[in-house]
Amino acid sequence: QLQVVESGGGLVHAGGSLRLSCVISGSTVRYYNIGWLRQAPEKEREGVSCISASGGAKKYASSVQDRFDTYRDVAKNTVYLQMNNLKPEDTAIYYCAPLPTPCVGPLSDIRSDFTSWGHGTQVTVSS
């Protein structure tokens, strides 16, 4: 069963950068489209990015386009989210999860058979 562990969050000033990591176990990243999602207090969960199982397709939410980049290291079975020019509105807990499509559907849709959510990683951006 696919399991994920997120890390790399922290407190940064607006304009700063962070790189989040999503380490996958129980399978290989080659078999899964992996998305990053975030949830801020009292807000709905929001899909942020996707990288396809082949690694050939990526998709981003409009709110992070041109600031965030997702990529992976197959040897480390890890998917990353590089976040640049961070804004206070990026403050949230960030999670990774497998998506059902190769980045052609909504970024917030999760595979229905995925239940092993990680604890997420907190990102806080101060103004």
N, C-alpha and C. Protein backbone atom coordinates (compact mmCIF):
# COMPACT_ATOMS: atom_id res chain seq x y z
N GLN A 1 0.84 -1.18 0.00
CA GLN A 1 0.00 0.00 0.00
C GLN A 1 0.89 1.25 0.00
N LEU A 2 0.51 2.19 -0.85
CA LEU A 2 1.30 3.41 -0.98
C LEU A 2 1.24 4.22 0.30
N GLN A 3 2.41 4.64 0.76
CA GLN A 3 2.48 5.53 1.90
C GLN A 3 3.37 6.72 1.55
N VAL A 4 3.07 7.86 2.18
CA VAL A 4 3.82 9.07 1.88
C VAL A 4 4.23 9.75 3.18
N VAL A 5 5.37 10.43 3.13
CA VAL A 5 5.84 11.23 4.25
C VAL A 5 6.32 12.56 3.71
N GLU A 6 5.69 13.65 4.17
CA GLU A 6 6.05 14.98 3.72
C GLU A 6 7.01 15.64 4.70
N SER A 7 7.88 16.49 4.18
CA SER A 7 8.80 17.24 5.03
C SER A 7 9.28 18.47 4.27
N GLY A 8 9.98 19.34 4.99
CA GLY A 8 10.60 20.49 4.36
C GLY A 8 9.92 21.82 4.63
N GLY A 9 8.80 21.80 5.32
CA GLY A 9 8.12 23.04 5.62
C GLY A 9 8.88 23.88 6.63
N GLY A 10 8.37 25.08 6.88
CA GLY A 10 9.00 25.97 7.83
C GLY A 10 8.40 27.34 7.80
N LEU A 11 9.07 28.27 8.48
CA LEU A 11 8.64 29.66 8.54
C LEU A 11 9.59 30.49 7.69
N VAL A 12 9.04 31.23 6.74
CA VAL A 12 9.85 32.08 5.88
C VAL A 12 9.17 33.43 5.73
N HIS A 13 9.96 34.41 5.33
CA HIS A 13 9.39 35.73 5.02
C HIS A 13 8.84 35.71 3.60
N ALA A 14 7.92 36.60 3.34
CA ALA A 14 7.40 36.74 1.99
C ALA A 14 8.56 36.98 1.02
N GLY A 15 8.48 36.31 -0.12
CA GLY A 15 9.54 36.38 -1.11
C GLY A 15 10.57 35.27 -0.97
N GLY A 16 10.50 34.54 0.11
CA GLY A 16 11.45 33.45 0.35
C GLY A 16 11.10 32.18 -0.39
N SER A 17 11.91 31.16 -0.16
CA SER A 17 11.73 29.88 -0.86
C SER A 17 11.79 28.72 0.13
N LEU A 18 11.13 27.65 -0.24
CA LEU A 18 11.21 26.39 0.49
C LEU A 18 11.12 25.26 -0.53
N ARG A 19 11.70 24.12 -0.17
CA ARG A 19 11.53 22.92 -0.98
C ARG A 19 10.93 21.83 -0.11
N LEU A 20 9.77 21.37 -0.52
CA LEU A 20 9.10 20.28 0.18
C LEU A 20 9.46 18.95 -0.46
N SER A 21 9.50 17.91 0.39
CA SER A 21 9.78 16.56 -0.10
C SER A 21 8.63 15.63 0.25
N CYS A 22 8.35 14.72 -0.65
CA CYS A 22 7.34 13.69 -0.44
C CYS A 22 8.02 12.35 -0.72
N VAL A 23 8.37 11.64 0.34
CA VAL A 23 9.01 10.34 0.19
C VAL A 23 7.94 9.26 0.13
N ILE A 24 8.02 8.45 -0.91
CA ILE A 24 7.02 7.42 -1.16
C ILE A 24 7.58 6.06 -0.78
N SER A 25 6.74 5.25 -0.15
CA SER A 25 7.10 3.87 0.16
C SER A 25 5.93 2.96 -0.15
N GLY A 26 6.21 1.68 -0.26
CA GLY A 26 5.16 0.71 -0.57
C GLY A 26 4.96 0.52 -2.06
N SER A 27 5.58 1.33 -2.87
CA SER A 27 5.51 1.20 -4.31
C SER A 27 6.54 2.15 -4.91
N THR A 28 6.51 2.30 -6.21
CA THR A 28 7.44 3.20 -6.88
C THR A 28 6.73 4.41 -7.44
N VAL A 29 7.41 5.53 -7.41
CA VAL A 29 6.83 6.76 -7.91
C VAL A 29 6.51 6.65 -9.40
N ARG A 30 7.13 5.71 -10.08
CA ARG A 30 6.87 5.54 -11.52
C ARG A 30 5.42 5.12 -11.80
N TYR A 31 4.74 4.55 -10.81
CA TYR A 31 3.38 4.05 -11.04
C TYR A 31 2.30 5.05 -10.69
N TYR A 32 2.68 6.21 -10.16
CA TYR A 32 1.67 7.11 -9.63
C TYR A 32 1.82 8.54 -10.14
N ASN A 33 0.67 9.14 -10.41
CA ASN A 33 0.62 10.59 -10.59
C ASN A 33 0.56 11.18 -9.20
N ILE A 34 1.49 12.07 -8.87
CA ILE A 34 1.57 12.58 -7.51
C ILE A 34 1.23 14.06 -7.48
N GLY A 35 0.32 14.39 -6.60
CA GLY A 35 -0.08 15.77 -6.43
C GLY A 35 0.34 16.32 -5.08
N TRP A 36 0.53 17.63 -5.04
CA TRP A 36 0.66 18.36 -3.79
C TRP A 36 -0.64 19.11 -3.56
N LEU A 37 -1.10 19.08 -2.34
CA LEU A 37 -2.32 19.79 -1.96
C LEU A 37 -2.01 20.57 -0.68
N ARG A 38 -2.85 21.54 -0.39
CA ARG A 38 -2.64 22.29 0.84
C ARG A 38 -3.98 22.64 1.47
N GLN A 39 -3.93 22.83 2.76
CA GLN A 39 -5.14 23.22 3.48
C GLN A 39 -4.78 24.26 4.52
N ALA A 40 -5.38 25.41 4.37
CA ALA A 40 -5.22 26.49 5.33
C ALA A 40 -6.37 26.41 6.33
N PRO A 41 -6.18 27.01 7.51
CA PRO A 41 -7.24 26.97 8.52
C PRO A 41 -8.57 27.51 7.98
N GLU A 42 -9.62 26.77 8.21
CA GLU A 42 -10.98 27.16 7.84
C GLU A 42 -11.17 27.31 6.33
N LYS A 43 -10.31 26.68 5.57
CA LYS A 43 -10.45 26.70 4.11
C LYS A 43 -10.52 25.29 3.57
N GLU A 44 -11.08 25.16 2.38
CA GLU A 44 -11.14 23.87 1.71
C GLU A 44 -9.74 23.44 1.28
N ARG A 45 -9.56 22.11 1.20
CA ARG A 45 -8.31 21.60 0.66
C ARG A 45 -8.18 22.02 -0.79
N GLU A 46 -6.98 22.45 -1.17
CA GLU A 46 -6.75 22.99 -2.52
C GLU A 46 -5.63 22.20 -3.19
N GLY A 47 -5.87 21.78 -4.40
CA GLY A 47 -4.82 21.14 -5.18
C GLY A 47 -3.84 22.18 -5.67
N VAL A 48 -2.55 21.88 -5.56
CA VAL A 48 -1.51 22.84 -5.91
C VAL A 48 -0.76 22.43 -7.17
N SER A 49 -0.40 21.16 -7.26
CA SER A 49 0.41 20.74 -8.41
C SER A 49 0.22 19.25 -8.64
N CYS A 50 0.70 18.82 -9.81
CA CYS A 50 0.67 17.41 -10.17
C CYS A 50 1.87 17.11 -11.05
N ILE A 51 2.44 15.93 -10.88
CA ILE A 51 3.41 15.41 -11.82
C ILE A 51 2.96 14.00 -12.17
N SER A 52 2.96 13.70 -13.46
CA SER A 52 2.42 12.42 -13.91
C SER A 52 3.37 11.27 -13.59
N ALA A 53 2.85 10.05 -13.68
CA ALA A 53 3.65 8.86 -13.40
C ALA A 53 4.85 8.76 -14.34
N SER A 54 4.69 9.21 -15.54
CA SER A 54 5.80 9.18 -16.50
C SER A 54 6.80 10.30 -16.24
N GLY A 55 6.37 11.30 -15.48
CA GLY A 55 7.19 12.48 -15.27
C GLY A 55 7.10 13.48 -16.40
N GLY A 56 6.34 13.15 -17.43
CA GLY A 56 6.30 13.99 -18.61
C GLY A 56 5.24 15.08 -18.60
N ALA A 57 4.34 15.03 -17.64
CA ALA A 57 3.28 16.04 -17.57
C ALA A 57 3.26 16.67 -16.18
N LYS A 58 3.03 17.96 -16.17
CA LYS A 58 2.91 18.70 -14.93
C LYS A 58 1.74 19.66 -15.05
N LYS A 59 1.19 20.01 -13.91
CA LYS A 59 0.08 20.96 -13.91
C LYS A 59 0.12 21.71 -12.58
N TYR A 60 -0.27 22.99 -12.63
CA TYR A 60 -0.22 23.82 -11.43
C TYR A 60 -1.52 24.61 -11.28
N ALA A 61 -1.86 24.90 -10.04
CA ALA A 61 -2.95 25.81 -9.78
C ALA A 61 -2.54 27.20 -10.26
N SER A 62 -3.50 27.98 -10.70
CA SER A 62 -3.19 29.30 -11.22
C SER A 62 -2.54 30.18 -10.15
N SER A 63 -2.87 29.93 -8.89
CA SER A 63 -2.36 30.75 -7.80
C SER A 63 -0.86 30.54 -7.55
N VAL A 64 -0.31 29.44 -8.08
CA VAL A 64 1.11 29.16 -7.84
C VAL A 64 1.90 29.05 -9.14
N GLN A 65 1.20 29.15 -10.26
CA GLN A 65 1.86 29.06 -11.56
C GLN A 65 3.02 30.04 -11.63
N ASP A 66 4.12 29.61 -12.16
CA ASP A 66 5.33 30.42 -12.35
C ASP A 66 6.09 30.68 -11.05
N ARG A 67 5.58 30.21 -9.92
CA ARG A 67 6.32 30.33 -8.66
C ARG A 67 6.73 28.97 -8.10
N PHE A 68 5.92 27.95 -8.34
CA PHE A 68 6.17 26.62 -7.81
C PHE A 68 6.59 25.69 -8.95
N ASP A 69 7.41 24.70 -8.59
CA ASP A 69 7.84 23.70 -9.57
C ASP A 69 7.86 22.35 -8.88
N THR A 70 7.24 21.35 -9.50
CA THR A 70 7.28 20.01 -8.95
C THR A 70 8.15 19.13 -9.84
N TYR A 71 8.93 18.27 -9.23
CA TYR A 71 9.78 17.36 -9.96
C TYR A 71 10.04 16.16 -9.07
N ARG A 72 10.72 15.18 -9.62
CA ARG A 72 10.92 13.96 -8.83
C ARG A 72 12.31 13.39 -9.03
N ASP A 73 12.71 12.58 -8.07
CA ASP A 73 13.95 11.80 -8.14
C ASP A 73 13.52 10.34 -8.03
N VAL A 74 13.51 9.64 -9.14
CA VAL A 74 13.05 8.26 -9.15
C VAL A 74 13.92 7.37 -8.28
N ALA A 75 15.21 7.59 -8.28
CA ALA A 75 16.12 6.77 -7.48
C ALA A 75 15.82 6.90 -5.99
N LYS A 76 15.37 8.08 -5.58
CA LYS A 76 15.04 8.31 -4.17
C LYS A 76 13.56 8.11 -3.89
N ASN A 77 12.79 7.79 -4.93
CA ASN A 77 11.34 7.61 -4.77
C ASN A 77 10.71 8.82 -4.08
N THR A 78 11.12 9.98 -4.51
CA THR A 78 10.72 11.22 -3.86
C THR A 78 10.22 12.23 -4.88
N VAL A 79 9.15 12.91 -4.51
CA VAL A 79 8.62 14.01 -5.31
C VAL A 79 8.83 15.30 -4.52
N TYR A 80 9.26 16.33 -5.22
CA TYR A 80 9.57 17.61 -4.57
C TYR A 80 8.61 18.70 -5.04
N LEU A 81 8.48 19.70 -4.20
CA LEU A 81 7.76 20.93 -4.58
C LEU A 81 8.67 22.10 -4.21
N GLN A 82 9.25 22.69 -5.23
CA GLN A 82 10.07 23.88 -5.02
C GLN A 82 9.16 25.10 -5.05
N MET A 83 9.18 25.85 -3.98
CA MET A 83 8.29 27.00 -3.85
C MET A 83 9.12 28.26 -3.75
N ASN A 84 8.96 29.14 -4.71
CA ASN A 84 9.70 30.40 -4.75
C ASN A 84 8.75 31.58 -4.62
N ASN A 85 9.30 32.73 -4.27
CA ASN A 85 8.50 33.95 -4.14
C ASN A 85 7.24 33.68 -3.31
N LEU A 86 7.44 33.10 -2.16
CA LEU A 86 6.30 32.73 -1.32
C LEU A 86 5.54 33.95 -0.84
N LYS A 87 4.24 33.76 -0.70
CA LYS A 87 3.34 34.83 -0.27
C LYS A 87 2.62 34.39 1.00
N PRO A 88 2.15 35.33 1.81
CA PRO A 88 1.42 34.95 3.03
C PRO A 88 0.24 34.03 2.74
N GLU A 89 -0.39 34.19 1.60
CA GLU A 89 -1.53 33.33 1.26
C GLU A 89 -1.14 31.89 0.93
N ASP A 90 0.17 31.62 0.86
CA ASP A 90 0.63 30.25 0.67
C ASP A 90 0.70 29.49 2.00
N THR A 91 0.46 30.18 3.09
CA THR A 91 0.50 29.55 4.41
C THR A 91 -0.55 28.46 4.51
N ALA A 92 -0.12 27.25 4.84
CA ALA A 92 -1.02 26.09 4.90
C ALA A 92 -0.22 24.87 5.32
N ILE A 93 -0.93 23.79 5.59
CA ILE A 93 -0.29 22.48 5.71
C ILE A 93 -0.31 21.86 4.32
N TYR A 94 0.84 21.38 3.89
CA TYR A 94 0.99 20.81 2.56
C TYR A 94 1.06 19.29 2.66
N TYR A 95 0.32 18.63 1.78
CA TYR A 95 0.26 17.19 1.72
C TYR A 95 0.58 16.72 0.30
N CYS A 96 1.06 15.50 0.17
CA CYS A 96 1.17 14.88 -1.15
C CYS A 96 0.26 13.64 -1.17
N ALA A 97 -0.19 13.31 -2.36
CA ALA A 97 -1.11 12.19 -2.51
C ALA A 97 -1.15 11.78 -3.98
N PRO A 98 -1.54 10.54 -4.26
CA PRO A 98 -1.66 10.10 -5.65
C PRO A 98 -2.97 10.60 -6.27
N LEU A 99 -2.90 11.03 -7.50
CA LEU A 99 -4.07 11.49 -8.23
C LEU A 99 -4.48 10.44 -9.25
N PRO A 100 -5.75 10.43 -9.66
CA PRO A 100 -6.24 9.36 -10.54
C PRO A 100 -5.86 9.54 -12.01
N THR A 101 -5.49 10.74 -12.41
CA THR A 101 -5.22 10.97 -13.83
C THR A 101 -3.83 11.60 -13.98
N PRO A 102 -3.25 11.45 -15.18
CA PRO A 102 -1.92 12.06 -15.41
C PRO A 102 -2.01 13.56 -15.61
N CYS A 103 -2.47 14.25 -14.57
CA CYS A 103 -2.50 15.71 -14.55
C CYS A 103 -3.44 16.32 -15.59
N VAL A 104 -4.55 15.64 -15.85
CA VAL A 104 -5.53 16.22 -16.76
C VAL A 104 -6.85 16.52 -16.06
N GLY A 105 -6.97 16.08 -14.81
CA GLY A 105 -8.19 16.34 -14.06
C GLY A 105 -7.96 17.39 -12.99
N PRO A 106 -8.96 17.62 -12.16
CA PRO A 106 -8.81 18.60 -11.07
C PRO A 106 -7.66 18.21 -10.14
N LEU A 107 -6.90 19.19 -9.72
CA LEU A 107 -5.75 18.93 -8.87
C LEU A 107 -6.14 18.48 -7.47
N SER A 108 -7.38 18.71 -7.10
CA SER A 108 -7.82 18.33 -5.76
C SER A 108 -8.39 16.92 -5.71
N ASP A 109 -8.55 16.26 -6.87
CA ASP A 109 -9.07 14.90 -6.88
C ASP A 109 -7.98 13.91 -6.51
N ILE A 110 -8.29 13.06 -5.54
CA ILE A 110 -7.34 12.07 -5.05
C ILE A 110 -7.82 10.69 -5.48
N ARG A 111 -6.89 9.78 -5.68
CA ARG A 111 -7.27 8.41 -5.97
C ARG A 111 -8.18 7.88 -4.86
N SER A 112 -9.25 7.23 -5.26
CA SER A 112 -10.25 6.78 -4.29
C SER A 112 -9.72 5.67 -3.39
N ASP A 113 -8.65 4.98 -3.83
CA ASP A 113 -8.13 3.87 -3.02
C ASP A 113 -6.99 4.31 -2.10
N PHE A 114 -6.72 5.62 -2.06
CA PHE A 114 -5.64 6.11 -1.21
C PHE A 114 -6.19 6.49 0.15
N THR A 115 -5.63 5.90 1.19
CA THR A 115 -6.11 6.19 2.54
C THR A 115 -4.98 6.57 3.49
N SER A 116 -3.74 6.34 3.07
CA SER A 116 -2.61 6.53 3.98
C SER A 116 -2.03 7.94 3.89
N TRP A 117 -2.82 8.91 4.30
CA TRP A 117 -2.35 10.29 4.30
C TRP A 117 -1.18 10.45 5.27
N GLY A 118 -0.22 11.29 4.87
CA GLY A 118 0.85 11.65 5.78
C GLY A 118 0.38 12.74 6.73
N HIS A 119 1.28 13.17 7.60
CA HIS A 119 0.94 14.23 8.55
C HIS A 119 0.99 15.62 7.91
N GLY A 120 1.57 15.68 6.72
CA GLY A 120 1.71 16.97 6.08
C GLY A 120 2.90 17.73 6.64
N THR A 121 3.18 18.87 6.03
CA THR A 121 4.26 19.72 6.51
C THR A 121 3.78 21.17 6.50
N GLN A 122 3.99 21.86 7.61
CA GLN A 122 3.46 23.22 7.77
C GLN A 122 4.36 24.23 7.07
N VAL A 123 3.74 25.06 6.27
CA VAL A 123 4.43 26.18 5.63
C VAL A 123 3.79 27.46 6.15
N THR A 124 4.60 28.33 6.71
CA THR A 124 4.11 29.61 7.21
C THR A 124 4.92 30.73 6.59
N VAL A 125 4.23 31.65 5.94
CA VAL A 125 4.89 32.77 5.26
C VAL A 125 4.47 34.05 5.95
N SER A 126 5.43 34.76 6.49
CA SER A 126 5.14 36.02 7.18
C SER A 126 5.26 37.19 6.21
N SER A 127 4.48 38.21 6.47
CA SER A 127 4.49 39.38 5.58
C SER A 127 5.54 40.39 6.01
